[in-house]
C-alpha atoms as a PDB file:
ATOM      1  CA  MET A   1      43.114 -38.469  -0.944  1.00  0.00           C
ATOM      2  CA  VAL A   2      40.744 -36.109  -1.924  1.00  0.00           C
ATOM      3  CA  ARG A   3      37.030 -36.447  -2.717  1.00  0.00           C
ATOM      4  CA  ALA A   4      35.002 -33.247  -3.067  1.00  0.00           C
ATOM      5  CA  ALA A   5      30.817 -33.064  -3.316  1.00  0.00           C
ATOM      6  CA  HIS A   6      29.718 -29.938  -5.744  1.00  0.00           C
ATOM      7  CA  THR A   7      26.845 -27.602  -4.312  1.00  0.00           C
ATOM      8  CA  SER A   8      25.275 -25.059  -5.908  1.00  0.00           C
ATOM      9  CA  GLY A   9      27.016 -23.004  -3.480  1.00  0.00           C
ATOM     10  CA  GLY A  10      30.588 -24.199  -4.528  1.00  0.00           C
ATOM     11  CA  HIS A  11      32.746 -27.269  -3.016  1.00  0.00           C
ATOM     12  CA  VAL A  12      31.947 -29.800  -0.080  1.00  0.00           C
ATOM     13  CA  LYS A  13      35.188 -31.415   0.424  1.00  0.00           C
ATOM     14  CA  SER A  14      34.832 -34.438   2.392  1.00  0.00           C
ATOM     15  CA  THR A  15      36.526 -37.091   4.658  1.00  0.00           C
ATOM     16  CA  LEU A  16      38.319 -36.852   7.593  1.00  0.00           C
ATOM     17  CA  LEU A  17      40.072 -33.480   9.172  1.00  0.00           C
ATOM     18  CA  LEU A  18      42.092 -32.154  10.786  1.00  0.00           C
ATOM     19  CA  ILE A  19      43.941 -31.677  14.622  1.00  0.00           C
ATOM     20  CA  ALA A  20      47.007 -29.343  14.817  1.00  0.00           C
ATOM     21  CA  LEU A  21      46.694 -26.760  17.239  1.00  0.00           C
ATOM     22  CA  LEU A  22      50.097 -25.494  17.561  1.00  0.00           C
ATOM     23  CA  SER A  23      51.803 -22.748  15.822  1.00  0.00           C
ATOM     24  CA  PHE A  24      55.200 -21.225  16.569  1.00  0.00           C
ATOM     25  CA  PRO A  25      54.079 -17.494  15.990  1.00  0.00           C
ATOM     26  CA  ALA A  26      52.839 -15.184  18.731  1.00  0.00           C
ATOM     27  CA  ALA A  27      50.007 -16.329  20.692  1.00  0.00           C
ATOM     28  CA  SER A  28      46.864 -14.558  19.849  1.00  0.00           C
ATOM     29  CA  SER A  29      43.153 -15.026  21.373  1.00  0.00           C
ATOM     30  CA  ALA A  30      40.750 -15.081  18.509  1.00  0.00           C
ATOM     31  CA  GLN A  31      39.577 -17.748  17.474  1.00  0.00           C
ATOM     32  CA  LYS A  32      37.798 -18.815  14.091  1.00  0.00           C
ATOM     33  CA  VAL A  33      35.584 -21.120  14.286  1.00  0.00           C
ATOM     34  CA  LYS A  34      33.612 -22.872  11.007  1.00  0.00           C
ATOM     35  CA  VAL A  35      31.294 -25.688  11.503  1.00  0.00           C
ATOM     36  CA  GLY A  36      28.848 -27.725   9.119  1.00  0.00           C
ATOM     37  CA  HIS A  37      26.098 -30.432   9.619  1.00  0.00           C
ATOM     38  CA  ASP A  38      23.646 -32.582   8.227  1.00  0.00           C
ATOM     39  CA  ARG A  39      20.570 -31.086   8.435  1.00  0.00           C
ATOM     40  CA  ALA A  40      18.524 -34.480   8.436  1.00  0.00           C
ATOM     41  CA  THR A  41      20.053 -35.958  11.506  1.00  0.00           C
ATOM     42  CA  ASP A  42      18.058 -35.937  14.274  1.00  0.00           C
ATOM     43  CA  PHE A  43      21.169 -35.673  16.919  1.00  0.00           C
ATOM     44  CA  SER A  44      18.897 -37.023  19.607  1.00  0.00           C
ATOM     45  CA  ASN A  45      19.522 -40.732  17.823  1.00  0.00           C
ATOM     46  CA  PHE A  46      23.397 -40.824  19.459  1.00  0.00           C
ATOM     47  CA  LYS A  47      24.418 -41.464  22.646  1.00  0.00           C
ATOM     48  CA  THR A  48      28.077 -43.117  22.515  1.00  0.00           C
ATOM     49  CA  TYR A  49      30.767 -42.071  20.474  1.00  0.00           C
ATOM     50  CA  SER A  50      34.601 -43.622  20.382  1.00  0.00           C
ATOM     51  CA  TRP A  51      37.276 -41.704  18.625  1.00  0.00           C
ATOM     52  CA  ALA A  52      39.549 -42.995  15.392  1.00  0.00           C
ATOM     53  CA  GLU A  53      42.716 -44.495  16.170  1.00  0.00           C
ATOM     54  CA  PRO A  54      45.928 -42.899  15.161  1.00  0.00           C
ATOM     55  CA  SER A  55      48.392 -43.993  12.180  1.00  0.00           C
ATOM     56  CA  MET A  56      51.001 -42.832  14.435  1.00  0.00           C
ATOM     57  CA  PRO A  57      52.106 -41.079  17.503  1.00  0.00           C
ATOM     58  CA  PRO A  58      51.196 -37.476  18.247  1.00  0.00           C
ATOM     59  CA  THR A  59      54.178 -35.098  17.896  1.00  0.00           C
ATOM     60  CA  ARG A  60      52.813 -33.477  20.698  1.00  0.00           C
ATOM     61  CA  PRO A  61      51.420 -35.877  23.205  1.00  0.00           C
ATOM     62  CA  VAL A  62      50.622 -33.040  26.334  1.00  0.00           C
ATOM     63  CA  LEU A  63      49.146 -30.512  23.728  1.00  0.00           C
ATOM     64  CA  PHE A  64      47.350 -33.983  21.736  1.00  0.00           C
ATOM     65  CA  GLU A  65      46.035 -35.690  25.200  1.00  0.00           C
ATOM     66  CA  ALA A  66      44.657 -32.055  26.362  1.00  0.00           C
ATOM     67  CA  VAL A  67      42.433 -31.691  23.772  1.00  0.00           C
ATOM     68  CA  THR A  68      41.212 -34.652  23.601  1.00  0.00           C
ATOM     69  CA  ALA A  69      40.383 -34.620  27.153  1.00  0.00           C
ATOM     70  CA  ARG A  70      38.493 -31.325  26.905  1.00  0.00           C
ATOM     71  CA  VAL A  71      36.887 -32.891  24.113  1.00  0.00           C
ATOM     72  CA  GLU A  72      35.848 -35.633  25.598  1.00  0.00           C
ATOM     73  CA  VAL A  73      34.577 -33.394  28.580  1.00  0.00           C
ATOM     74  CA  GLU A  74      32.406 -31.082  26.703  1.00  0.00           C
ATOM     75  CA  LEU A  75      30.501 -34.308  24.787  1.00  0.00           C
ATOM     76  CA  GLN A  76      30.057 -35.441  27.993  1.00  0.00           C
ATOM     77  CA  LYS A  77      28.032 -31.774  28.356  1.00  0.00           C
ATOM     78  CA  ARG A  78      26.017 -32.899  25.428  1.00  0.00           C
ATOM     79  CA  GLY A  79      24.752 -36.371  26.840  1.00  0.00           C
ATOM     80  CA  LEU A  80      27.706 -38.511  24.926  1.00  0.00           C
ATOM     81  CA  THR A  81      29.755 -41.218  26.706  1.00  0.00           C
ATOM     82  CA  LYS A  82      32.633 -42.766  25.461  1.00  0.00           C
ATOM     83  CA  VAL A  83      32.804 -45.692  24.770  1.00  0.00           C
ATOM     84  CA  SER A  84      36.308 -47.801  23.460  1.00  0.00           C
ATOM     85  CA  LYS A  85      35.392 -48.895  20.209  1.00  0.00           C
ATOM     86  CA  ASP A  86      31.821 -49.297  17.953  1.00  0.00           C
ATOM     87  CA  GLY A  87      30.547 -46.136  19.542  1.00  0.00           C
ATOM     88  CA  ASP A  88      27.201 -44.149  17.968  1.00  0.00           C
ATOM     89  CA  LEU A  89      29.316 -41.672  16.140  1.00  0.00           C
ATOM     90  CA  THR A  90      33.672 -41.556  15.342  1.00  0.00           C
ATOM     91  CA  VAL A  91      35.118 -38.759  15.848  1.00  0.00           C
ATOM     92  CA  MET A  92      38.095 -38.058  13.682  1.00  0.00           C
ATOM     93  CA  PRO A  93      40.911 -35.634  14.205  1.00  0.00           C
ATOM     94  CA  ALA A  94      43.549 -35.661  11.836  1.00  0.00           C
ATOM     95  CA  GLY A  95      45.535 -32.779  10.772  1.00  0.00           C
ATOM     96  CA  GLY A  96      49.766 -32.171  10.944  1.00  0.00           C
ATOM     97  CA  VAL A  97      51.572 -30.117  13.734  1.00  0.00           C
ATOM     98  CA  ASP A  98      54.379 -27.598  13.263  1.00  0.00           C
ATOM     99  CA  PHE A  99      53.313 -26.148   9.638  1.00  0.00           C
ATOM    100  CA  GLY A 100      54.281 -22.178   9.402  1.00  0.00           C
ATOM    101  CA  PHE A 101      57.256 -22.659  11.567  1.00  0.00           C
ATOM    102  CA  GLY A 102      59.628 -22.452   8.437  1.00  0.00           C
ATOM    103  CA  GLY A 103      61.620 -25.330   8.805  1.00  0.00           C
ATOM    104  CA  GLN A 104      60.151 -29.128   7.295  1.00  0.00           C
ATOM    105  CA  ALA A 105      56.672 -29.183   8.118  1.00  0.00           C
ATOM    106  CA  SER A 106      55.810 -33.079  10.370  1.00  0.00           C
ATOM    107  CA  THR A 107      54.071 -36.269   9.181  1.00  0.00           C
ATOM    108  CA  PRO A 108      50.246 -35.306   8.978  1.00  0.00           C
ATOM    109  CA  TYR A 109      48.170 -36.373  11.974  1.00  0.00           C
ATOM    110  CA  SER A 110      45.494 -38.870  10.611  1.00  0.00           C
ATOM    111  CA  PRO A 111      43.348 -41.791  12.572  1.00  0.00           C
ATOM    112  CA  THR A 112      42.491 -44.874  10.689  1.00  0.00           C
ATOM    113  CA  TYR A 113      39.335 -45.076  10.207  1.00  0.00           C
ATOM    114  CA  GLY A 114      38.227 -48.863   9.157  1.00  0.00           C
ATOM    115  CA  GLY A 115      35.891 -49.532   5.874  1.00  0.00           C
ATOM    116  CA  SER A 116      35.313 -46.910   3.421  1.00  0.00           C
ATOM    117  CA  PRO A 117      35.626 -43.585   3.524  1.00  0.00           C
ATOM    118  CA  PRO A 118      32.467 -42.537   4.929  1.00  0.00           C
ATOM    119  CA  ALA A 119      29.864 -40.434   2.781  1.00  0.00           C
ATOM    120  CA  LEU A 120      28.750 -36.817   2.557  1.00  0.00           C
ATOM    121  CA  ASN A 121      25.310 -35.782   1.784  1.00  0.00           C
ATOM    122  CA  ALA A 122      26.291 -32.436   0.542  1.00  0.00           C
ATOM    123  CA  SER A 123      22.121 -31.824  -0.339  1.00  0.00           C
ATOM    124  CA  MET A 124      21.453 -32.025   3.306  1.00  0.00           C
ATOM    125  CA  TRP A 125      24.701 -29.600   4.419  1.00  0.00           C
ATOM    126  CA  THR A 126      24.650 -27.176   6.349  1.00  0.00           C
ATOM    127  CA  GLY A 127      27.391 -24.033   7.899  1.00  0.00           C
ATOM    128  CA  SER A 128      29.877 -21.695   6.648  1.00  0.00           C
ATOM    129  CA  GLY A 129      32.449 -24.623   7.636  1.00  0.00           C
ATOM    130  CA  GLY A 130      30.644 -26.873   4.485  1.00  0.00           C
ATOM    131  CA  GLY A 131      31.653 -30.769   4.685  1.00  0.00           C
ATOM    132  CA  PRO A 132      35.187 -31.535   5.928  1.00  0.00           C
ATOM    133  CA  SER A 133      38.108 -31.597   4.214  1.00  0.00           C
ATOM    134  CA  THR A 134      41.408 -33.924   2.827  1.00  0.00           C
ATOM    135  CA  VAL A 135      42.366 -36.971   4.534  1.00  0.00           C
ATOM    136  CA  GLY A 136      45.803 -35.988   6.247  1.00  0.00           C
ATOM    137  CA  ALA A 137      46.279 -33.206   4.055  1.00  0.00           C
ATOM    138  CA  TYR A 138      48.930 -30.309   5.143  1.00  0.00           C
ATOM    139  CA  VAL A 139      46.135 -27.812   7.219  1.00  0.00           C
ATOM    140  CA  SER A 140      46.784 -24.647   8.310  1.00  0.00           C
ATOM    141  CA  GLU A 141      48.499 -23.734  11.166  1.00  0.00           C
ATOM    142  CA  GLY A 142      46.927 -23.382  14.844  1.00  0.00           C
ATOM    143  CA  THR A 143      43.958 -24.954  13.139  1.00  0.00           C
ATOM    144  CA  LEU A 144      42.168 -28.319  15.417  1.00  0.00           C
ATOM    145  CA  ALA A 145      39.025 -29.603  13.415  1.00  0.00           C
ATOM    146  CA  LEU A 146      36.546 -32.662  14.084  1.00  0.00           C
ATOM    147  CA  THR A 147      34.479 -35.072  11.510  1.00  0.00           C
ATOM    148  CA  PHE A 148      31.678 -37.157  13.334  1.00  0.00           C
ATOM    149  CA  VAL A 149      30.446 -40.235  11.546  1.00  0.00           C
ATOM    150  CA  ASP A 150      27.441 -41.927  12.021  1.00  0.00           C
ATOM    151  CA  ARG A 151      29.441 -45.148  12.478  1.00  0.00           C
ATOM    152  CA  ALA A 152      25.830 -46.827  11.651  1.00  0.00           C
ATOM    153  CA  THR A 153      25.589 -45.204   7.870  1.00  0.00           C
ATOM    154  CA  ASN A 154      28.841 -44.592   7.752  1.00  0.00           C
ATOM    155  CA  LYS A 155      27.761 -40.785   7.050  1.00  0.00           C
ATOM    156  CA  ILE A 156      29.826 -37.527   7.778  1.00  0.00           C
ATOM    157  CA  VAL A 157      27.106 -35.670  10.246  1.00  0.00           C
ATOM    158  CA  TRP A 158      29.031 -32.937  12.107  1.00  0.00           C
ATOM    159  CA  SER A 159      32.553 -31.114  10.847  1.00  0.00           C
ATOM    160  CA  GLY A 160      33.995 -28.472  12.156  1.00  0.00           C
ATOM    161  CA  SER A 161      36.945 -26.662  12.568  1.00  0.00           C
ATOM    162  CA  VAL A 162      38.724 -23.771  15.363  1.00  0.00           C
ATOM    163  CA  LYS A 163      41.974 -21.982  14.310  1.00  0.00           C
ATOM    164  CA  GLN A 164      44.127 -20.607  17.373  1.00  0.00           C
ATOM    165  CA  LYS A 165      47.699 -19.285  17.132  1.00  0.00           C
ATOM    166  CA  LEU A 166      49.633 -20.747  20.261  1.00  0.00           C
ATOM    167  CA  ASP A 167      52.900 -19.992  21.004  1.00  0.00           C
ATOM    168  CA  ILE A 168      55.452 -22.912  22.419  1.00  0.00           C
ATOM    169  CA  GLU A 169      57.627 -20.775  23.950  1.00  0.00           C
ATOM    170  CA  LYS A 170      54.514 -20.429  26.411  1.00  0.00           C
ATOM    171  CA  LYS A 171      53.146 -23.573  27.004  1.00  0.00           C
ATOM    172  CA  ASN A 172      51.389 -23.267  29.862  1.00  0.00           C
ATOM    173  CA  GLU A 173      49.245 -20.092  28.118  1.00  0.00           C
ATOM    174  CA  SER A 174      48.807 -21.854  24.594  1.00  0.00           C
ATOM    175  CA  LEU A 175      47.175 -25.119  26.616  1.00  0.00           C
ATOM    176  CA  ALA A 176      44.719 -22.519  28.188  1.00  0.00           C
ATOM    177  CA  LEU A 177      44.012 -21.551  24.294  1.00  0.00           C
ATOM    178  CA  ALA A 178      44.043 -24.914  22.972  1.00  0.00           C
ATOM    179  CA  ASP A 179      41.160 -25.602  25.872  1.00  0.00           C
ATOM    180  CA  LYS A 180      39.211 -22.013  25.294  1.00  0.00           C
ATOM    181  CA  ALA A 181      39.563 -23.164  21.711  1.00  0.00           C
ATOM    182  CA  VAL A 182      37.960 -26.931  21.855  1.00  0.00           C
ATOM    183  CA  ILE A 183      35.017 -25.431  23.916  1.00  0.00           C
ATOM    184  CA  LYS A 184      34.462 -22.551  21.520  1.00  0.00           C
ATOM    185  CA  LEU A 185      34.329 -25.534  18.747  1.00  0.00           C
ATOM    186  CA  LEU A 186      32.167 -27.735  20.415  1.00  0.00           C
ATOM    187  CA  ASN A 187      29.574 -24.886  21.499  1.00  0.00           C
ATOM    188  CA  LYS A 188      28.889 -25.184  18.512  1.00  0.00           C
ATOM    189  CA  PHE A 189      27.902 -29.079  18.205  1.00  0.00           C
ATOM    190  CA  PRO A 190      24.621 -30.389  19.082  1.00  0.00           C
ATOM    191  CA  SER A 191      22.867 -31.456  22.106  1.00  0.00           C
ATOM    192  CA  THR A 192      21.931 -34.901  21.960  1.00  0.00           C
ATOM    193  CA  LYS A 193      20.114 -34.627  25.416  1.00  0.00           C
END
C-alpha cells in the first residue's frame, strides 16, 4: 500500500520505511544520505524509543543485528533510551535484502506496526529526503532507511535513508561499512538533550 501526500515541491511519500543494507556488487565507501523531518516537532520532548516488531525474521540476521545495535548506540548518544514497548518514538525499519543480485529478490523486510498508518504533515516537512516511502516496498539495493513515529500523535516526525553498497564475500568490511553508514545517517537526527 502506498500513501502519498502532495506538496508544492512534489510528492512526499509516507509510511513505514526500509532496511536493507546489503547488495552483491563491489563495496564502495561513498554513502548517500537523505533525511527529512517535521519542523514543527520539538525533539527535546522525546525521551524513549521502541522498535516496531519485524513481521518476519531478517534474511541476514548478523547484518540486521549489527545495524540495529549501531542505531541503538547512536540514539543513546542523542539522549534517547530504548524501552521494550510504548516508547515516545517508534522506530520503523523496513525493506528488503538481496536486491540487485540478478536473481529472485527476497521477501521485503517490514515491521509490524499496530494501529492505523502514521500520518505525515506535508506542509511542515523539510529536508531533501522528503517524507517516508512505502510499506514493504521493493527498495534499491544497499539502502537503510528509518522512520520515527511520535507514538502519542501517530505522526511521522523524522525519516532518513542511507545507501551503501556492500560485498557479501567481504563480511567484516561490509559490517564496518554498514556501521559507518548508520553513523552518517543518524548524525542528521536531532539531539533530544
